[in-house]
C-alpha atoms as a PDB file:
ATOM      1  CA  MET A   1       0.000   0.000   0.000  1.00  0.00           C
ATOM      2  CA  SER A   2       1.382   3.400  -1.022  1.00  0.00           C
ATOM      3  CA  VAL A   3       1.657   6.201   1.536  1.00  0.00           C
ATOM      4  CA  LEU A   4       1.322   8.716  -1.309  1.00  0.00           C
ATOM      5  CA  PRO A   5      -2.015  10.138  -2.437  1.00  0.00           C
ATOM      6  CA  ARG A   6      -3.462   8.175  -5.357  1.00  0.00           C
ATOM      7  CA  SER A   7      -3.105  11.082  -7.849  1.00  0.00           C
ATOM      8  CA  ILE A   8       0.625  11.454  -7.147  1.00  0.00           C
ATOM      9  CA  GLN A   9       1.252   7.709  -7.301  1.00  0.00           C
ATOM     10  CA  GLN A  10      -0.647   7.520 -10.602  1.00  0.00           C
ATOM     11  CA  LEU A  11       1.528  10.287 -12.098  1.00  0.00           C
ATOM     12  CA  ILE A  12       4.701   8.542 -10.881  1.00  0.00           C
ATOM     13  CA  ASN A  13       3.489   5.303 -12.442  1.00  0.00           C
ATOM     14  CA  GLU A  14       2.814   7.044 -15.767  1.00  0.00           C
ATOM     15  CA  PHE A  15       6.223   8.757 -15.795  1.00  0.00           C
ATOM     16  CA  SER A  16       7.852   5.379 -15.015  1.00  0.00           C
ATOM     17  CA  ARG A  17       6.353   3.913 -18.189  1.00  0.00           C
ATOM     18  CA  LEU A  18       8.328   6.388 -20.312  1.00  0.00           C
ATOM     19  CA  PRO A  19      11.633   5.148 -21.813  1.00  0.00           C
ATOM     20  CA  GLY A  20      14.697   6.000 -19.748  1.00  0.00           C
ATOM     21  CA  ILE A  21      12.759   7.079 -16.665  1.00  0.00           C
ATOM     22  CA  GLY A  22      13.001   4.869 -13.602  1.00  0.00           C
ATOM     23  CA  PRO A  23      10.976   5.077 -10.376  1.00  0.00           C
ATOM     24  CA  LYS A  24      13.309   7.644  -8.751  1.00  0.00           C
ATOM     25  CA  SER A  25      13.317   9.976 -11.741  1.00  0.00           C
ATOM     26  CA  ALA A  26       9.552   9.579 -12.041  1.00  0.00           C
ATOM     27  CA  SER A  27       9.127  10.559  -8.383  1.00  0.00           C
ATOM     28  CA  ARG A  28      11.374  13.613  -8.821  1.00  0.00           C
ATOM     29  CA  LEU A  29       9.391  14.742 -11.866  1.00  0.00           C
ATOM     30  CA  ALA A  30       6.057  14.287 -10.105  1.00  0.00           C
ATOM     31  CA  PHE A  31       7.142  16.218  -7.011  1.00  0.00           C
ATOM     32  CA  PHE A  32       8.732  18.941  -9.133  1.00  0.00           C
ATOM     33  CA  LEU A  33       5.396  19.484 -10.873  1.00  0.00           C
ATOM     34  CA  LEU A  34       3.603  19.376  -7.530  1.00  0.00           C
ATOM     35  CA  ARG A  35       5.698  22.072  -5.845  1.00  0.00           C
ATOM     36  CA  GLY A  36       7.324  23.775  -8.852  1.00  0.00           C
ATOM     37  CA  ALA A  37       7.898  27.525  -8.885  1.00  0.00           C
ATOM     38  CA  ASP A  38       5.392  28.072 -11.707  1.00  0.00           C
ATOM     39  CA  PRO A  39       1.917  26.917 -10.624  1.00  0.00           C
ATOM     40  CA  ASN A  40       0.819  26.697 -14.276  1.00  0.00           C
ATOM     41  CA  GLN A  41       3.621  24.342 -15.325  1.00  0.00           C
ATOM     42  CA  ALA A  42       1.655  21.154 -14.599  1.00  0.00           C
ATOM     43  CA  VAL A  43      -1.378  22.512 -16.468  1.00  0.00           C
ATOM     44  CA  ASP A  44       0.823  23.589 -19.402  1.00  0.00           C
ATOM     45  CA  LEU A  45       2.345  20.102 -19.523  1.00  0.00           C
ATOM     46  CA  ALA A  46      -1.091  18.470 -19.465  1.00  0.00           C
ATOM     47  CA  ASN A  47      -2.328  20.769 -22.248  1.00  0.00           C
ATOM     48  CA  ALA A  48       0.776  20.048 -24.341  1.00  0.00           C
ATOM     49  CA  LEU A  49       0.188  16.300 -23.983  1.00  0.00           C
ATOM     50  CA  VAL A  50      -3.451  16.621 -25.019  1.00  0.00           C
ATOM     51  CA  ALA A  51      -2.471  18.777 -28.019  1.00  0.00           C
ATOM     52  CA  LEU A  52       0.191  16.236 -28.964  1.00  0.00           C
ATOM     53  CA  LYS A  53      -2.360  13.443 -29.181  1.00  0.00           C
ATOM     54  CA  GLU A  54      -5.111  15.511 -30.792  1.00  0.00           C
ATOM     55  CA  ASN A  55      -3.102  17.470 -33.376  1.00  0.00           C
ATOM     56  CA  THR A  56      -0.386  15.137 -34.628  1.00  0.00           C
ATOM     57  CA  ARG A  57      -0.637  12.378 -37.216  1.00  0.00           C
ATOM     58  CA  PHE A  58       1.617  10.588 -39.673  1.00  0.00           C
ATOM     59  CA  CYS A  59       2.188  12.115 -43.079  1.00  0.00           C
ATOM     60  CA  SER A  60       0.354  10.006 -45.659  1.00  0.00           C
ATOM     61  CA  ILE A  61       3.362  10.242 -47.997  1.00  0.00           C
ATOM     62  CA  CYS A  62       6.578   9.939 -45.956  1.00  0.00           C
ATOM     63  CA  HIS A  63       5.134   8.796 -42.579  1.00  0.00           C
ATOM     64  CA  ASN A  64       6.873  11.559 -40.634  1.00  0.00           C
ATOM     65  CA  ILE A  65       5.027  13.067 -37.673  1.00  0.00           C
ATOM     66  CA  THR A  66       3.092  16.158 -38.708  1.00  0.00           C
ATOM     67  CA  GLU A  67       0.144  18.394 -37.905  1.00  0.00           C
ATOM     68  CA  ASP A  68      -0.622  19.022 -41.584  1.00  0.00           C
ATOM     69  CA  ASP A  69      -0.995  16.182 -44.081  1.00  0.00           C
ATOM     70  CA  PRO A  70       1.042  16.064 -46.255  1.00  0.00           C
ATOM     71  CA  CYS A  71       3.898  17.371 -44.114  1.00  0.00           C
ATOM     72  CA  VAL A  72       5.946  20.524 -44.761  1.00  0.00           C
ATOM     73  CA  ILE A  73       8.811  18.525 -46.275  1.00  0.00           C
ATOM     74  CA  CYS A  74       6.639  16.617 -48.741  1.00  0.00           C
ATOM     75  CA  THR A  75       4.905  19.830 -49.870  1.00  0.00           C
ATOM     76  CA  ASN A  76       8.127  21.845 -50.212  1.00  0.00           C
ATOM     77  CA  GLU A  77       8.678  22.152 -53.969  1.00  0.00           C
ATOM     78  CA  GLU A  78      12.221  23.459 -53.482  1.00  0.00           C
ATOM     79  CA  ARG A  79      13.380  20.042 -52.272  1.00  0.00           C
ATOM     80  CA  ASP A  80      14.931  17.550 -54.699  1.00  0.00           C
ATOM     81  CA  SER A  81      12.142  15.136 -55.640  1.00  0.00           C
ATOM     82  CA  THR A  82      14.612  12.685 -57.235  1.00  0.00           C
ATOM     83  CA  LEU A  83      16.521  12.059 -53.996  1.00  0.00           C
ATOM     84  CA  MET A  84      15.129  10.091 -51.054  1.00  0.00           C
ATOM     85  CA  CYS A  85      16.577   9.329 -47.626  1.00  0.00           C
ATOM     86  CA  VAL A  86      15.119   6.355 -45.730  1.00  0.00           C
ATOM     87  CA  VAL A  87      15.350   6.577 -41.935  1.00  0.00           C
ATOM     88  CA  GLU A  88      14.158   4.377 -39.090  1.00  0.00           C
ATOM     89  CA  GLU A  89      12.461   6.982 -36.885  1.00  0.00           C
ATOM     90  CA  PRO A  90      11.214  10.589 -37.048  1.00  0.00           C
ATOM     91  CA  LEU A  91      14.045  11.658 -34.716  1.00  0.00           C
ATOM     92  CA  ASP A  92      16.549  10.403 -37.313  1.00  0.00           C
ATOM     93  CA  LEU A  93      14.926  12.732 -39.841  1.00  0.00           C
ATOM     94  CA  VAL A  94      15.213  15.601 -37.363  1.00  0.00           C
ATOM     95  CA  ALA A  95      18.925  14.872 -36.877  1.00  0.00           C
ATOM     96  CA  ILE A  96      19.596  14.879 -40.629  1.00  0.00           C
ATOM     97  CA  GLU A  97      17.611  18.090 -41.088  1.00  0.00           C
ATOM     98  CA  ARG A  98      19.709  19.748 -38.373  1.00  0.00           C
ATOM     99  CA  SER A  99      22.809  19.077 -40.481  1.00  0.00           C
ATOM    100  CA  ARG A 100      21.309  21.120 -43.365  1.00  0.00           C
ATOM    101  CA  ALA A 101      23.210  18.821 -45.720  1.00  0.00           C
ATOM    102  CA  PHE A 102      20.243  17.019 -47.292  1.00  0.00           C
ATOM    103  CA  LYS A 103      17.633  18.681 -49.497  1.00  0.00           C
ATOM    104  CA  GLY A 104      15.693  15.693 -50.817  1.00  0.00           C
ATOM    105  CA  ARG A 105      12.637  13.768 -49.630  1.00  0.00           C
ATOM    106  CA  TYR A 106      12.335  11.317 -46.740  1.00  0.00           C
ATOM    107  CA  HIS A 107      10.673   8.050 -45.885  1.00  0.00           C
ATOM    108  CA  VAL A 108      10.259   7.006 -42.232  1.00  0.00           C
ATOM    109  CA  LEU A 109      10.127   3.251 -41.590  1.00  0.00           C
ATOM    110  CA  HIS A 110       9.023   3.508 -37.935  1.00  0.00           C
ATOM    111  CA  GLY A 111      11.469   0.887 -36.749  1.00  0.00           C
ATOM    112  CA  SER A 112      13.848  -1.735 -38.035  1.00  0.00           C
ATOM    113  CA  ILE A 113      13.639  -5.435 -38.784  1.00  0.00           C
ATOM    114  CA  SER A 114      14.263  -7.390 -35.581  1.00  0.00           C
ATOM    115  CA  PRO A 115      13.346 -11.088 -35.557  1.00  0.00           C
ATOM    116  CA  VAL A 116      14.221 -11.272 -31.848  1.00  0.00           C
ATOM    117  CA  GLU A 117      11.503  -8.703 -31.080  1.00  0.00           C
ATOM    118  CA  GLY A 118       9.112 -10.170 -33.630  1.00  0.00           C
ATOM    119  CA  ILE A 119       9.375  -7.173 -35.978  1.00  0.00           C
ATOM    120  CA  GLY A 120       9.361  -8.126 -39.649  1.00  0.00           C
ATOM    121  CA  PRO A 121       9.202  -6.140 -42.905  1.00  0.00           C
ATOM    122  CA  ASP A 122       5.393  -6.084 -42.807  1.00  0.00           C
ATOM    123  CA  ASP A 123       5.500  -4.214 -39.491  1.00  0.00           C
ATOM    124  CA  LEU A 124       7.329  -1.278 -41.106  1.00  0.00           C
ATOM    125  CA  THR A 125       6.335   1.125 -43.892  1.00  0.00           C
ATOM    126  CA  ILE A 126       8.377  -0.759 -46.497  1.00  0.00           C
ATOM    127  CA  GLU A 127       5.465  -1.506 -48.846  1.00  0.00           C
ATOM    128  CA  SER A 128       4.610   2.195 -48.907  1.00  0.00           C
ATOM    129  CA  LEU A 129       8.257   2.950 -49.726  1.00  0.00           C
ATOM    130  CA  VAL A 130       8.248   0.503 -52.631  1.00  0.00           C
ATOM    131  CA  LYS A 131       5.038   2.058 -54.001  1.00  0.00           C
ATOM    132  CA  ARG A 132       6.515   5.561 -53.738  1.00  0.00           C
ATOM    133  CA  ILE A 133       9.622   4.563 -55.646  1.00  0.00           C
ATOM    134  CA  ASP A 134       7.580   2.735 -58.255  1.00  0.00           C
ATOM    135  CA  ALA A 135       5.369   5.797 -58.805  1.00  0.00           C
ATOM    136  CA  GLY A 136       8.128   8.434 -58.595  1.00  0.00           C
ATOM    137  CA  GLU A 137      11.191   9.432 -60.564  1.00  0.00           C
ATOM    138  CA  TYR A 138      13.904   8.848 -58.005  1.00  0.00           C
ATOM    139  CA  SER A 139      17.530   8.662 -59.076  1.00  0.00           C
ATOM    140  CA  GLU A 140      19.011   7.810 -55.674  1.00  0.00           C
ATOM    141  CA  VAL A 141      17.792   6.332 -52.414  1.00  0.00           C
ATOM    142  CA  ILE A 142      19.995   6.804 -49.350  1.00  0.00           C
ATOM    143  CA  ILE A 143      19.396   4.053 -46.804  1.00  0.00           C
ATOM    144  CA  ALA A 144      20.193   5.803 -43.518  1.00  0.00           C
ATOM    145  CA  THR A 145      19.451   3.078 -40.981  1.00  0.00           C
ATOM    146  CA  ASN A 146      21.268   2.927 -37.654  1.00  0.00           C
ATOM    147  CA  ALA A 147      24.651   1.246 -37.301  1.00  0.00           C
ATOM    148  CA  THR A 148      23.178  -1.705 -35.389  1.00  0.00           C
ATOM    149  CA  LEU A 149      22.493  -5.326 -36.241  1.00  0.00           C
ATOM    150  CA  GLU A 150      18.811  -4.471 -36.781  1.00  0.00           C
ATOM    151  CA  GLY A 151      19.674  -1.405 -38.861  1.00  0.00           C
ATOM    152  CA  ASP A 152      22.071  -3.394 -41.045  1.00  0.00           C
ATOM    153  CA  THR A 153      19.501  -6.180 -41.460  1.00  0.00           C
ATOM    154  CA  THR A 154      16.919  -3.614 -42.553  1.00  0.00           C
ATOM    155  CA  ALA A 155      19.370  -2.000 -44.989  1.00  0.00           C
ATOM    156  CA  ARG A 156      20.218  -5.375 -46.597  1.00  0.00           C
ATOM    157  CA  TYR A 157      16.510  -6.168 -46.940  1.00  0.00           C
ATOM    158  CA  LEU A 158      15.812  -2.800 -48.550  1.00  0.00           C
ATOM    159  CA  GLU A 159      18.711  -3.292 -50.962  1.00  0.00           C
ATOM    160  CA  ARG A 160      17.158  -6.551 -52.156  1.00  0.00           C
ATOM    161  CA  ARG A 161      13.640  -5.086 -52.404  1.00  0.00           C
ATOM    162  CA  LEU A 162      14.770  -2.007 -54.329  1.00  0.00           C
ATOM    163  CA  ALA A 163      17.387  -3.618 -56.579  1.00  0.00           C
ATOM    164  CA  SER A 164      14.975  -4.123 -59.482  1.00  0.00           C
ATOM    165  CA  PHE A 165      14.245  -0.383 -59.814  1.00  0.00           C
ATOM    166  CA  GLY A 166      17.667   0.329 -61.303  1.00  0.00           C
ATOM    167  CA  LEU A 167      18.355   3.402 -59.214  1.00  0.00           C
ATOM    168  CA  LYS A 168      21.408   4.302 -57.196  1.00  0.00           C
ATOM    169  CA  LEU A 169      21.286   2.887 -53.664  1.00  0.00           C
ATOM    170  CA  SER A 170      23.671   4.333 -51.096  1.00  0.00           C
ATOM    171  CA  SER A 171      24.189   4.358 -47.358  1.00  0.00           C
ATOM    172  CA  LEU A 172      25.628   6.879 -44.940  1.00  0.00           C
ATOM    173  CA  ALA A 173      29.384   6.768 -44.432  1.00  0.00           C
ATOM    174  CA  ARG A 174      30.245   5.233 -41.093  1.00  0.00           C
ATOM    175  CA  GLY A 175      33.404   5.805 -39.183  1.00  0.00           C
ATOM    176  CA  LEU A 176      35.030   8.012 -36.595  1.00  0.00           C
ATOM    177  CA  ALA A 177      33.178  10.831 -34.914  1.00  0.00           C
ATOM    178  CA  VAL A 178      34.777  14.268 -35.100  1.00  0.00           C
ATOM    179  CA  GLY A 179      36.912  14.842 -32.031  1.00  0.00           C
ATOM    180  CA  SER A 180      37.146  11.158 -31.077  1.00  0.00           C
ATOM    181  CA  ASP A 181      40.354   9.388 -30.011  1.00  0.00           C
ATOM    182  CA  LEU A 182      41.421   6.215 -31.805  1.00  0.00           C
ATOM    183  CA  GLU A 183      42.299   4.475 -28.552  1.00  0.00           C
ATOM    184  CA  TYR A 184      38.670   4.710 -27.344  1.00  0.00           C
ATOM    185  CA  THR A 185      37.066   3.672 -30.646  1.00  0.00           C
ATOM    186  CA  ASP A 186      35.440   0.237 -30.878  1.00  0.00           C
ATOM    187  CA  GLU A 187      36.669  -2.306 -33.429  1.00  0.00           C
ATOM    188  CA  VAL A 188      33.607  -2.197 -35.700  1.00  0.00           C
ATOM    189  CA  THR A 189      33.680   1.593 -36.020  1.00  0.00           C
ATOM    190  CA  LEU A 190      37.424   1.583 -36.644  1.00  0.00           C
ATOM    191  CA  SER A 191      37.075  -1.153 -39.258  1.00  0.00           C
ATOM    192  CA  ARG A 192      34.354   0.796 -41.087  1.00  0.00           C
ATOM    193  CA  ALA A 193      36.436   3.961 -40.929  1.00  0.00           C
ATOM    194  CA  LEU A 194      39.345   2.136 -42.569  1.00  0.00           C
ATOM    195  CA  GLN A 195      37.121   0.600 -45.255  1.00  0.00           C
ATOM    196  CA  GLY A 196      35.561   3.972 -46.030  1.00  0.00           C
ATOM    197  CA  ARG A 197      38.857   5.889 -46.067  1.00  0.00           C
ATOM    198  CA  GLN A 198      39.191   8.792 -48.475  1.00  0.00           C
ATOM    199  CA  GLU A 199      42.107   9.998 -50.540  1.00  0.00           C
ATOM    200  CA  LEU A 200      43.791  13.156 -49.190  1.00  0.00           C
END
């Protein structure tokens, strides 16, 4: 039996269900909102959560999270409609956009193939991707999956599915992070950096 009032315990339980938040962090968050300096902060948070659920949806074209369908990227005519970047999650798209180095279109898979977790190709937006490529005039598809076993499995699967379209398939270069020391770099990253070396 909890010594806390039911409303506080319920909020702690809900915070604990979020990824990366354990019981102690959940308790700190709940008590911060309870006695925070701004009395409206808890109400603002609640309103933001309601707005998140009511106003957001997935873009019917690229499957990114959006309030307007199609999303601002898919409707931007200044972007290169012959270039597509395939990412696992919306946050991956956000990271690439922050770089300002890519001006094409996107496709969000919403995960990666993981037999261990029971996630297969049919659980992702791969069929939608294939239909987009079949209907479009793409010259290159960049497969930007994560550098994990699941990401590599997904990339290999996509390579096989898209091979018949006769377009250029590429992946992101993988190697050393800027500012990293060789002595602290893992073997896989170092191996990929050597394989992807560039002429000076």
